[in-house]
Amino acid sequence: SKLNSYPALPMYQNGLIKLKEAFDAEA
């Protein structure tokens, strides 16, 4: 219930879920 307590952005891509920053760094 804690609003915005984990302000990360999990992203699903190519069969994996990582933080958006991890995918951006790989790109």
mmCIF file of all heavy atoms, coordinates in Angstrom:
data_MODEL
# 
_entry.id   MODEL 
# 
loop_
_atom_site.group_PDB 
_atom_site.id 
_atom_site.type_symbol 
_atom_site.label_atom_id 
_atom_site.label_alt_id 
_atom_site.label_comp_id 
_atom_site.label_asym_id 
_atom_site.label_entity_id 
_atom_site.label_seq_id 
_atom_site.pdbx_PDB_ins_code 
_atom_site.Cartn_x 
_atom_site.Cartn_y 
_atom_site.Cartn_z 
_atom_site.occupancy 
_atom_site.B_iso_or_equiv 
_atom_site.pdbx_formal_charge 
_atom_site.auth_seq_id 
_atom_site.auth_comp_id 
_atom_site.auth_asym_id 
_atom_site.auth_atom_id 
_atom_site.pdbx_PDB_model_num 
ATOM 1   N N   . SER A 1 1  ? 0.809  -1.219  0.000   1.00 0.00 ? 1  SER A N   1 
ATOM 2   C CA  . SER A 1 1  ? 0.000  0.000   0.000   1.00 0.00 ? 1  SER A CA  1 
ATOM 3   C C   . SER A 1 1  ? 0.839  1.264   0.000   1.00 0.00 ? 1  SER A C   1 
ATOM 4   O O   . SER A 1 1  ? 0.292  2.371   -0.138  1.00 0.00 ? 1  SER A O   1 
ATOM 5   C CB  . SER A 1 1  ? -0.912 0.015   1.236   1.00 0.00 ? 1  SER A CB  1 
ATOM 6   O OG  . SER A 1 1  ? -0.157 0.201   2.422   1.00 0.00 ? 1  SER A OG  1 
ATOM 7   N N   . LYS A 1 2  ? 2.153  1.139   0.141   1.00 0.00 ? 2  LYS A N   1 
ATOM 8   C CA  . LYS A 1 2  ? 3.011  2.310   0.311   1.00 0.00 ? 2  LYS A CA  1 
ATOM 9   C C   . LYS A 1 2  ? 3.293  2.974   -1.035  1.00 0.00 ? 2  LYS A C   1 
ATOM 10  O O   . LYS A 1 2  ? 4.141  2.535   -1.806  1.00 0.00 ? 2  LYS A O   1 
ATOM 11  C CB  . LYS A 1 2  ? 4.327  1.915   0.987   1.00 0.00 ? 2  LYS A CB  1 
ATOM 12  C CG  . LYS A 1 2  ? 4.170  1.240   2.344   1.00 0.00 ? 2  LYS A CG  1 
ATOM 13  C CD  . LYS A 1 2  ? 3.462  2.135   3.346   1.00 0.00 ? 2  LYS A CD  1 
ATOM 14  C CE  . LYS A 1 2  ? 3.368  1.465   4.716   1.00 0.00 ? 2  LYS A CE  1 
ATOM 15  N NZ  . LYS A 1 2  ? 2.563  2.264   5.672   1.00 0.00 ? 2  LYS A NZ  1 
ATOM 16  N N   . LEU A 1 3  ? 2.579  4.035   -1.304  1.00 0.00 ? 3  LEU A N   1 
ATOM 17  C CA  . LEU A 1 3  ? 2.676  4.734   -2.582  1.00 0.00 ? 3  LEU A CA  1 
ATOM 18  C C   . LEU A 1 3  ? 4.091  5.238   -2.849  1.00 0.00 ? 3  LEU A C   1 
ATOM 19  O O   . LEU A 1 3  ? 4.703  5.901   -2.016  1.00 0.00 ? 3  LEU A O   1 
ATOM 20  C CB  . LEU A 1 3  ? 1.703  5.911   -2.604  1.00 0.00 ? 3  LEU A CB  1 
ATOM 21  C CG  . LEU A 1 3  ? 0.221  5.525   -2.698  1.00 0.00 ? 3  LEU A CG  1 
ATOM 22  C CD1 . LEU A 1 3  ? -0.654 6.663   -2.207  1.00 0.00 ? 3  LEU A CD1 1 
ATOM 23  C CD2 . LEU A 1 3  ? -0.141 5.137   -4.120  1.00 0.00 ? 3  LEU A CD2 1 
ATOM 24  N N   . ASN A 1 4  ? 4.604  4.857   -4.024  1.00 0.00 ? 4  ASN A N   1 
ATOM 25  C CA  . ASN A 1 4  ? 5.891  5.360   -4.519  1.00 0.00 ? 4  ASN A CA  1 
ATOM 26  C C   . ASN A 1 4  ? 7.062  5.065   -3.596  1.00 0.00 ? 4  ASN A C   1 
ATOM 27  O O   . ASN A 1 4  ? 8.074  5.775   -3.604  1.00 0.00 ? 4  ASN A O   1 
ATOM 28  C CB  . ASN A 1 4  ? 5.789  6.866   -4.799  1.00 0.00 ? 4  ASN A CB  1 
ATOM 29  C CG  . ASN A 1 4  ? 4.701  7.167   -5.805  1.00 0.00 ? 4  ASN A CG  1 
ATOM 30  O OD1 . ASN A 1 4  ? 4.698  6.652   -6.909  1.00 0.00 ? 4  ASN A OD1 1 
ATOM 31  N ND2 . ASN A 1 4  ? 3.743  8.004   -5.400  1.00 0.00 ? 4  ASN A ND2 1 
ATOM 32  N N   . SER A 1 5  ? 6.942  4.006   -2.808  1.00 0.00 ? 5  SER A N   1 
ATOM 33  C CA  . SER A 1 5  ? 8.016  3.635   -1.888  1.00 0.00 ? 5  SER A CA  1 
ATOM 34  C C   . SER A 1 5  ? 9.162  2.916   -2.583  1.00 0.00 ? 5  SER A C   1 
ATOM 35  O O   . SER A 1 5  ? 10.278 2.859   -2.061  1.00 0.00 ? 5  SER A O   1 
ATOM 36  C CB  . SER A 1 5  ? 7.461  2.764   -0.755  1.00 0.00 ? 5  SER A CB  1 
ATOM 37  O OG  . SER A 1 5  ? 6.772  1.642   -1.279  1.00 0.00 ? 5  SER A OG  1 
ATOM 38  N N   . TYR A 1 6  ? 8.895  2.352   -3.761  1.00 0.00 ? 6  TYR A N   1 
ATOM 39  C CA  . TYR A 1 6  ? 9.933  1.726   -4.590  1.00 0.00 ? 6  TYR A CA  1 
ATOM 40  C C   . TYR A 1 6  ? 9.795  2.299   -6.006  1.00 0.00 ? 6  TYR A C   1 
ATOM 41  O O   . TYR A 1 6  ? 9.216  1.660   -6.888  1.00 0.00 ? 6  TYR A O   1 
ATOM 42  C CB  . TYR A 1 6  ? 9.779  0.204   -4.601  1.00 0.00 ? 6  TYR A CB  1 
ATOM 43  C CG  . TYR A 1 6  ? 10.155 -0.454  -3.291  1.00 0.00 ? 6  TYR A CG  1 
ATOM 44  C CD1 . TYR A 1 6  ? 9.226  -0.554  -2.252  1.00 0.00 ? 6  TYR A CD1 1 
ATOM 45  C CD2 . TYR A 1 6  ? 11.428 -0.964  -3.089  1.00 0.00 ? 6  TYR A CD2 1 
ATOM 46  C CE1 . TYR A 1 6  ? 9.567  -1.151  -1.047  1.00 0.00 ? 6  TYR A CE1 1 
ATOM 47  C CE2 . TYR A 1 6  ? 11.777 -1.564  -1.887  1.00 0.00 ? 6  TYR A CE2 1 
ATOM 48  C CZ  . TYR A 1 6  ? 10.839 -1.661  -0.875  1.00 0.00 ? 6  TYR A CZ  1 
ATOM 49  O OH  . TYR A 1 6  ? 11.188 -2.256  0.314   1.00 0.00 ? 6  TYR A OH  1 
ATOM 50  N N   . PRO A 1 7  ? 10.323 3.502   -6.237  1.00 0.00 ? 7  PRO A N   1 
ATOM 51  C CA  . PRO A 1 7  ? 10.093 4.203   -7.508  1.00 0.00 ? 7  PRO A CA  1 
ATOM 52  C C   . PRO A 1 7  ? 10.952 3.692   -8.653  1.00 0.00 ? 7  PRO A C   1 
ATOM 53  O O   . PRO A 1 7  ? 11.536 4.478   -9.415  1.00 0.00 ? 7  PRO A O   1 
ATOM 54  C CB  . PRO A 1 7  ? 10.429 5.648   -7.149  1.00 0.00 ? 7  PRO A CB  1 
ATOM 55  C CG  . PRO A 1 7  ? 11.484 5.534   -6.087  1.00 0.00 ? 7  PRO A CG  1 
ATOM 56  C CD  . PRO A 1 7  ? 11.097 4.318   -5.277  1.00 0.00 ? 7  PRO A CD  1 
ATOM 57  N N   . ALA A 1 8  ? 11.048 2.395   -8.782  1.00 0.00 ? 8  ALA A N   1 
ATOM 58  C CA  . ALA A 1 8  ? 11.795 1.776   -9.879  1.00 0.00 ? 8  ALA A CA  1 
ATOM 59  C C   . ALA A 1 8  ? 10.832 1.436   -11.012 1.00 0.00 ? 8  ALA A C   1 
ATOM 60  O O   . ALA A 1 8  ? 9.608  1.554   -10.861 1.00 0.00 ? 8  ALA A O   1 
ATOM 61  C CB  . ALA A 1 8  ? 12.501 0.522   -9.382  1.00 0.00 ? 8  ALA A CB  1 
ATOM 62  N N   . LEU A 1 9  ? 11.377 1.009   -12.147 1.00 0.00 ? 9  LEU A N   1 
ATOM 63  C CA  . LEU A 1 9  ? 10.533 0.658   -13.283 1.00 0.00 ? 9  LEU A CA  1 
ATOM 64  C C   . LEU A 1 9  ? 10.957 -0.690  -13.858 1.00 0.00 ? 9  LEU A C   1 
ATOM 65  O O   . LEU A 1 9  ? 11.802 -0.763  -14.754 1.00 0.00 ? 9  LEU A O   1 
ATOM 66  C CB  . LEU A 1 9  ? 10.598 1.737   -14.364 1.00 0.00 ? 9  LEU A CB  1 
ATOM 67  C CG  . LEU A 1 9  ? 9.531  1.626   -15.461 1.00 0.00 ? 9  LEU A CG  1 
ATOM 68  C CD1 . LEU A 1 9  ? 8.126  1.832   -14.864 1.00 0.00 ? 9  LEU A CD1 1 
ATOM 69  C CD2 . LEU A 1 9  ? 9.771  2.647   -16.567 1.00 0.00 ? 9  LEU A CD2 1 
ATOM 70  N N   . PRO A 1 10 ? 10.377 -1.788  -13.348 1.00 0.00 ? 10 PRO A N   1 
ATOM 71  C CA  . PRO A 1 10 ? 10.663 -3.097  -13.939 1.00 0.00 ? 10 PRO A CA  1 
ATOM 72  C C   . PRO A 1 10 ? 10.128 -3.168  -15.368 1.00 0.00 ? 10 PRO A C   1 
ATOM 73  O O   . PRO A 1 10 ? 8.999  -2.758  -15.639 1.00 0.00 ? 10 PRO A O   1 
ATOM 74  C CB  . PRO A 1 10 ? 9.918  -4.075  -13.024 1.00 0.00 ? 10 PRO A CB  1 
ATOM 75  C CG  . PRO A 1 10 ? 9.702  -3.313  -11.745 1.00 0.00 ? 10 PRO A CG  1 
ATOM 76  C CD  . PRO A 1 10 ? 9.521  -1.889  -12.162 1.00 0.00 ? 10 PRO A CD  1 
ATOM 77  N N   . MET A 1 11 ? 10.932 -3.718  -16.258 1.00 0.00 ? 11 MET A N   1 
ATOM 78  C CA  . MET A 1 11 ? 10.568 -3.817  -17.671 1.00 0.00 ? 11 MET A CA  1 
ATOM 79  C C   . MET A 1 11 ? 10.755 -5.256  -18.135 1.00 0.00 ? 11 MET A C   1 
ATOM 80  O O   . MET A 1 11 ? 11.743 -5.905  -17.782 1.00 0.00 ? 11 MET A O   1 
ATOM 81  C CB  . MET A 1 11 ? 11.428 -2.855  -18.496 1.00 0.00 ? 11 MET A CB  1 
ATOM 82  C CG  . MET A 1 11 ? 11.195 -2.899  -19.991 1.00 0.00 ? 11 MET A CG  1 
ATOM 83  S SD  . MET A 1 11 ? 12.085 -1.571  -20.866 1.00 0.00 ? 11 MET A SD  1 
ATOM 84  C CE  . MET A 1 11 ? 10.991 -0.175  -20.566 1.00 0.00 ? 11 MET A CE  1 
ATOM 85  N N   . TYR A 1 12 ? 9.803  -5.728  -18.923 1.00 0.00 ? 12 TYR A N   1 
ATOM 86  C CA  . TYR A 1 12 ? 9.850  -7.083  -19.484 1.00 0.00 ? 12 TYR A CA  1 
ATOM 87  C C   . TYR A 1 12 ? 10.273 -6.989  -20.940 1.00 0.00 ? 12 TYR A C   1 
ATOM 88  O O   . TYR A 1 12 ? 9.617  -6.328  -21.744 1.00 0.00 ? 12 TYR A O   1 
ATOM 89  C CB  . TYR A 1 12 ? 8.476  -7.730  -19.356 1.00 0.00 ? 12 TYR A CB  1 
ATOM 90  C CG  . TYR A 1 12 ? 8.345  -9.109  -19.960 1.00 0.00 ? 12 TYR A CG  1 
ATOM 91  C CD1 . TYR A 1 12 ? 9.249  -10.119 -19.659 1.00 0.00 ? 12 TYR A CD1 1 
ATOM 92  C CD2 . TYR A 1 12 ? 7.281  -9.407  -20.819 1.00 0.00 ? 12 TYR A CD2 1 
ATOM 93  C CE1 . TYR A 1 12 ? 9.107  -11.391 -20.197 1.00 0.00 ? 12 TYR A CE1 1 
ATOM 94  C CE2 . TYR A 1 12 ? 7.130  -10.674 -21.360 1.00 0.00 ? 12 TYR A CE2 1 
ATOM 95  C CZ  . TYR A 1 12 ? 8.046  -11.665 -21.048 1.00 0.00 ? 12 TYR A CZ  1 
ATOM 96  O OH  . TYR A 1 12 ? 7.907  -12.918 -21.590 1.00 0.00 ? 12 TYR A OH  1 
ATOM 97  N N   . GLN A 1 13 ? 11.368 -7.664  -21.261 1.00 0.00 ? 13 GLN A N   1 
ATOM 98  C CA  . GLN A 1 13 ? 11.912 -7.575  -22.618 1.00 0.00 ? 13 GLN A CA  1 
ATOM 99  C C   . GLN A 1 13 ? 12.734 -8.826  -22.908 1.00 0.00 ? 13 GLN A C   1 
ATOM 100 O O   . GLN A 1 13 ? 13.551 -9.251  -22.086 1.00 0.00 ? 13 GLN A O   1 
ATOM 101 C CB  . GLN A 1 13 ? 12.794 -6.327  -22.717 1.00 0.00 ? 13 GLN A CB  1 
ATOM 102 C CG  . GLN A 1 13 ? 13.370 -6.026  -24.084 1.00 0.00 ? 13 GLN A CG  1 
ATOM 103 C CD  . GLN A 1 13 ? 14.116 -4.696  -24.076 1.00 0.00 ? 13 GLN A CD  1 
ATOM 104 O OE1 . GLN A 1 13 ? 13.527 -3.654  -23.794 1.00 0.00 ? 13 GLN A OE1 1 
ATOM 105 N NE2 . GLN A 1 13 ? 15.397 -4.728  -24.353 1.00 0.00 ? 13 GLN A NE2 1 
ATOM 106 N N   . ASN A 1 14 ? 12.486 -9.424  -24.051 1.00 0.00 ? 14 ASN A N   1 
ATOM 107 C CA  . ASN A 1 14 ? 13.241 -10.615 -24.474 1.00 0.00 ? 14 ASN A CA  1 
ATOM 108 C C   . ASN A 1 14 ? 13.226 -11.727 -23.426 1.00 0.00 ? 14 ASN A C   1 
ATOM 109 O O   . ASN A 1 14 ? 14.233 -12.392 -23.180 1.00 0.00 ? 14 ASN A O   1 
ATOM 110 C CB  . ASN A 1 14 ? 14.684 -10.244 -24.819 1.00 0.00 ? 14 ASN A CB  1 
ATOM 111 C CG  . ASN A 1 14 ? 14.766 -9.248  -25.961 1.00 0.00 ? 14 ASN A CG  1 
ATOM 112 O OD1 . ASN A 1 14 ? 13.969 -9.307  -26.900 1.00 0.00 ? 14 ASN A OD1 1 
ATOM 113 N ND2 . ASN A 1 14 ? 15.731 -8.339  -25.904 1.00 0.00 ? 14 ASN A ND2 1 
ATOM 114 N N   . GLY A 1 15 ? 12.079 -11.897 -22.805 1.00 0.00 ? 15 GLY A N   1 
ATOM 115 C CA  . GLY A 1 15 ? 11.910 -12.995 -21.858 1.00 0.00 ? 15 GLY A CA  1 
ATOM 116 C C   . GLY A 1 15 ? 12.430 -12.731 -20.462 1.00 0.00 ? 15 GLY A C   1 
ATOM 117 O O   . GLY A 1 15 ? 12.343 -13.606 -19.592 1.00 0.00 ? 15 GLY A O   1 
ATOM 118 N N   . LEU A 1 16 ? 12.962 -11.525 -20.219 1.00 0.00 ? 16 LEU A N   1 
ATOM 119 C CA  . LEU A 1 16 ? 13.537 -11.194 -18.918 1.00 0.00 ? 16 LEU A CA  1 
ATOM 120 C C   . LEU A 1 16 ? 12.891 -9.939  -18.352 1.00 0.00 ? 16 LEU A C   1 
ATOM 121 O O   . LEU A 1 16 ? 12.463 -9.061  -19.102 1.00 0.00 ? 16 LEU A O   1 
ATOM 122 C CB  . LEU A 1 16 ? 15.046 -10.956 -19.040 1.00 0.00 ? 16 LEU A CB  1 
ATOM 123 C CG  . LEU A 1 16 ? 15.898 -12.104 -19.579 1.00 0.00 ? 16 LEU A CG  1 
ATOM 124 C CD1 . LEU A 1 16 ? 17.336 -11.631 -19.751 1.00 0.00 ? 16 LEU A CD1 1 
ATOM 125 C CD2 . LEU A 1 16 ? 15.838 -13.315 -18.661 1.00 0.00 ? 16 LEU A CD2 1 
ATOM 126 N N   . ILE A 1 17 ? 12.871 -9.858  -17.026 1.00 0.00 ? 17 ILE A N   1 
ATOM 127 C CA  . ILE A 1 17 ? 12.434 -8.632  -16.352 1.00 0.00 ? 17 ILE A CA  1 
ATOM 128 C C   . ILE A 1 17 ? 13.643 -8.049  -15.631 1.00 0.00 ? 17 ILE A C   1 
ATOM 129 O O   . ILE A 1 17 ? 14.271 -8.714  -14.795 1.00 0.00 ? 17 ILE A O   1 
ATOM 130 C CB  . ILE A 1 17 ? 11.315 -8.906  -15.332 1.00 0.00 ? 17 ILE A CB  1 
ATOM 131 C CG1 . ILE A 1 17 ? 10.139 -9.608  -16.010 1.00 0.00 ? 17 ILE A CG1 1 
ATOM 132 C CG2 . ILE A 1 17 ? 10.856 -7.603  -14.689 1.00 0.00 ? 17 ILE A CG2 1 
ATOM 133 C CD1 . ILE A 1 17 ? 9.101  -10.133 -15.026 1.00 0.00 ? 17 ILE A CD1 1 
ATOM 134 N N   . LYS A 1 18 ? 13.961 -6.805  -15.985 1.00 0.00 ? 18 LYS A N   1 
ATOM 135 C CA  . LYS A 1 18 ? 15.035 -6.070  -15.333 1.00 0.00 ? 18 LYS A CA  1 
ATOM 136 C C   . LYS A 1 18 ? 14.551 -4.645  -15.111 1.00 0.00 ? 18 LYS A C   1 
ATOM 137 O O   . LYS A 1 18 ? 13.537 -4.226  -15.666 1.00 0.00 ? 18 LYS A O   1 
ATOM 138 C CB  . LYS A 1 18 ? 16.307 -6.041  -16.189 1.00 0.00 ? 18 LYS A CB  1 
ATOM 139 C CG  . LYS A 1 18 ? 16.876 -7.393  -16.574 1.00 0.00 ? 18 LYS A CG  1 
ATOM 140 C CD  . LYS A 1 18 ? 18.148 -7.204  -17.394 1.00 0.00 ? 18 LYS A CD  1 
ATOM 141 C CE  . LYS A 1 18 ? 18.699 -8.521  -17.899 1.00 0.00 ? 18 LYS A CE  1 
ATOM 142 N NZ  . LYS A 1 18 ? 19.971 -8.334  -18.643 1.00 0.00 ? 18 LYS A NZ  1 
ATOM 143 N N   . LEU A 1 19 ? 15.306 -3.883  -14.328 1.00 0.00 ? 19 LEU A N   1 
ATOM 144 C CA  . LEU A 1 19 ? 15.005 -2.467  -14.220 1.00 0.00 ? 19 LEU A CA  1 
ATOM 145 C C   . LEU A 1 19 ? 15.285 -1.795  -15.563 1.00 0.00 ? 19 LEU A C   1 
ATOM 146 O O   . LEU A 1 19 ? 16.201 -2.194  -16.287 1.00 0.00 ? 19 LEU A O   1 
ATOM 147 C CB  . LEU A 1 19 ? 15.837 -1.821  -13.124 1.00 0.00 ? 19 LEU A CB  1 
ATOM 148 C CG  . LEU A 1 19 ? 15.542 -2.276  -11.691 1.00 0.00 ? 19 LEU A CG  1 
ATOM 149 C CD1 . LEU A 1 19 ? 16.412 -1.510  -10.705 1.00 0.00 ? 19 LEU A CD1 1 
ATOM 150 C CD2 . LEU A 1 19 ? 14.071 -2.113  -11.341 1.00 0.00 ? 19 LEU A CD2 1 
ATOM 151 N N   . LYS A 1 20 ? 14.509 -0.786  -15.883 1.00 0.00 ? 20 LYS A N   1 
ATOM 152 C CA  . LYS A 1 20 ? 14.680 -0.088  -17.156 1.00 0.00 ? 20 LYS A CA  1 
ATOM 153 C C   . LYS A 1 20 ? 16.108 0.402   -17.333 1.00 0.00 ? 20 LYS A C   1 
ATOM 154 O O   . LYS A 1 20 ? 16.668 0.337   -18.440 1.00 0.00 ? 20 LYS A O   1 
ATOM 155 C CB  . LYS A 1 20 ? 13.708 1.093   -17.245 1.00 0.00 ? 20 LYS A CB  1 
ATOM 156 C CG  . LYS A 1 20 ? 13.774 1.847   -18.576 1.00 0.00 ? 20 LYS A CG  1 
ATOM 157 C CD  . LYS A 1 20 ? 12.777 2.982   -18.604 1.00 0.00 ? 20 LYS A CD  1 
ATOM 158 C CE  . LYS A 1 20 ? 12.794 3.691   -19.962 1.00 0.00 ? 20 LYS A CE  1 
ATOM 159 N NZ  . LYS A 1 20 ? 14.105 4.319   -20.232 1.00 0.00 ? 20 LYS A NZ  1 
ATOM 160 N N   . GLU A 1 21 ? 16.717 0.869   -16.266 1.00 0.00 ? 21 GLU A N   1 
ATOM 161 C CA  . GLU A 1 21 ? 18.089 1.370   -16.353 1.00 0.00 ? 21 GLU A CA  1 
ATOM 162 C C   . GLU A 1 21 ? 19.051 0.286   -16.797 1.00 0.00 ? 21 GLU A C   1 
ATOM 163 O O   . GLU A 1 21 ? 20.029 0.565   -17.507 1.00 0.00 ? 21 GLU A O   1 
ATOM 164 C CB  . GLU A 1 21 ? 18.525 1.930   -15.000 1.00 0.00 ? 21 GLU A CB  1 
ATOM 165 C CG  . GLU A 1 21 ? 17.829 3.216   -14.583 1.00 0.00 ? 21 GLU A CG  1 
ATOM 166 C CD  . GLU A 1 21 ? 16.439 3.013   -14.024 1.00 0.00 ? 21 GLU A CD  1 
ATOM 167 O OE1 . GLU A 1 21 ? 16.012 1.842   -13.856 1.00 0.00 ? 21 GLU A OE1 1 
ATOM 168 O OE2 . GLU A 1 21 ? 15.756 4.021   -13.747 1.00 0.00 ? 21 GLU A OE2 1 
ATOM 169 N N   . ALA A 1 22 ? 18.812 -0.961  -16.400 1.00 0.00 ? 22 ALA A N   1 
ATOM 170 C CA  . ALA A 1 22 ? 19.685 -2.059  -16.811 1.00 0.00 ? 22 ALA A CA  1 
ATOM 171 C C   . ALA A 1 22 ? 19.573 -2.305  -18.309 1.00 0.00 ? 22 ALA A C   1 
ATOM 172 O O   . ALA A 1 22 ? 20.582 -2.500  -18.996 1.00 0.00 ? 22 ALA A O   1 
ATOM 173 C CB  . ALA A 1 22 ? 19.325 -3.329  -16.030 1.00 0.00 ? 22 ALA A CB  1 
ATOM 174 N N   . PHE A 1 23 ? 18.346 -2.285  -18.832 1.00 0.00 ? 23 PHE A N   1 
ATOM 175 C CA  . PHE A 1 23 ? 18.171 -2.447  -20.278 1.00 0.00 ? 23 PHE A CA  1 
ATOM 176 C C   . PHE A 1 23 ? 18.779 -1.270  -21.033 1.00 0.00 ? 23 PHE A C   1 
ATOM 177 O O   . PHE A 1 23 ? 19.396 -1.450  -22.086 1.00 0.00 ? 23 PHE A O   1 
ATOM 178 C CB  . PHE A 1 23 ? 16.688 -2.580  -20.619 1.00 0.00 ? 23 PHE A CB  1 
ATOM 179 C CG  . PHE A 1 23 ? 16.110 -3.935  -20.362 1.00 0.00 ? 23 PHE A CG  1 
ATOM 180 C CD1 . PHE A 1 23 ? 15.055 -4.103  -19.481 1.00 0.00 ? 23 PHE A CD1 1 
ATOM 181 C CD2 . PHE A 1 23 ? 16.611 -5.063  -21.009 1.00 0.00 ? 23 PHE A CD2 1 
ATOM 182 C CE1 . PHE A 1 23 ? 14.509 -5.359  -19.249 1.00 0.00 ? 23 PHE A CE1 1 
ATOM 183 C CE2 . PHE A 1 23 ? 16.075 -6.320  -20.781 1.00 0.00 ? 23 PHE A CE2 1 
ATOM 184 C CZ  . PHE A 1 23 ? 15.019 -6.471  -19.899 1.00 0.00 ? 23 PHE A CZ  1 
ATOM 185 N N   . ASP A 1 24 ? 18.623 -0.064  -20.496 1.00 0.00 ? 24 ASP A N   1 
ATOM 186 C CA  . ASP A 1 24 ? 19.196 1.112   -21.152 1.00 0.00 ? 24 ASP A CA  1 
ATOM 187 C C   . ASP A 1 24 ? 20.716 1.015   -21.207 1.00 0.00 ? 24 ASP A C   1 
ATOM 188 O O   . ASP A 1 24 ? 21.334 1.343   -22.234 1.00 0.00 ? 24 ASP A O   1 
ATOM 189 C CB  . ASP A 1 24 ? 18.791 2.387   -20.405 1.00 0.00 ? 24 ASP A CB  1 
ATOM 190 C CG  . ASP A 1 24 ? 17.321 2.731   -20.576 1.00 0.00 ? 24 ASP A CG  1 
ATOM 191 O OD1 . ASP A 1 24 ? 16.674 2.145   -21.472 1.00 0.00 ? 24 ASP A OD1 1 
ATOM 192 O OD2 . ASP A 1 24 ? 16.808 3.560   -19.796 1.00 0.00 ? 24 ASP A OD2 1 
ATOM 193 N N   . ALA A 1 25 ? 21.334 0.566   -20.110 1.00 0.00 ? 25 ALA A N   1 
ATOM 194 C CA  . ALA A 1 25 ? 22.787 0.431   -20.065 1.00 0.00 ? 25 ALA A CA  1 
ATOM 195 C C   . ALA A 1 25 ? 23.267 -0.616  -21.066 1.00 0.00 ? 25 ALA A C   1 
ATOM 196 O O   . ALA A 1 25 ? 24.290 -0.435  -21.740 1.00 0.00 ? 25 ALA A O   1 
ATOM 197 C CB  . ALA A 1 25 ? 23.239 0.062   -18.654 1.00 0.00 ? 25 ALA A CB  1 
ATOM 198 N N   . GLU A 1 26 ? 22.520 -1.709  -21.200 1.00 0.00 ? 26 GLU A N   1 
ATOM 199 C CA  . GLU A 1 26 ? 22.877 -2.746  -22.165 1.00 0.00 ? 26 GLU A CA  1 
ATOM 200 C C   . GLU A 1 26 ? 22.797 -2.219  -23.598 1.00 0.00 ? 26 GLU A C   1 
ATOM 201 O O   . GLU A 1 26 ? 23.639 -2.537  -24.442 1.00 0.00 ? 26 GLU A O   1 
ATOM 202 C CB  . GLU A 1 26 ? 21.965 -3.957  -21.994 1.00 0.00 ? 26 GLU A CB  1 
ATOM 203 C CG  . GLU A 1 26 ? 22.221 -4.739  -20.715 1.00 0.00 ? 26 GLU A CG  1 
ATOM 204 C CD  . GLU A 1 26 ? 21.213 -5.861  -20.522 1.00 0.00 ? 26 GLU A CD  1 
ATOM 205 O OE1 . GLU A 1 26 ? 20.368 -6.065  -21.429 1.00 0.00 ? 26 GLU A OE1 1 
ATOM 206 O OE2 . GLU A 1 26 ? 21.269 -6.528  -19.484 1.00 0.00 ? 26 GLU A OE2 1 
ATOM 207 N N   . ALA A 1 27 ? 21.774 -1.412  -23.862 1.00 0.00 ? 27 ALA A N   1 
ATOM 208 C CA  . ALA A 1 27 ? 21.612 -0.851  -25.204 1.00 0.00 ? 27 ALA A CA  1 
ATOM 209 C C   . ALA A 1 27 ? 22.773 0.073   -25.552 1.00 0.00 ? 27 ALA A C   1 
ATOM 210 O O   . ALA A 1 27 ? 23.292 0.050   -26.672 1.00 0.00 ? 27 ALA A O   1 
ATOM 211 C CB  . ALA A 1 27 ? 20.291 -0.100  -25.294 1.00 0.00 ? 27 ALA A CB  1 
# 
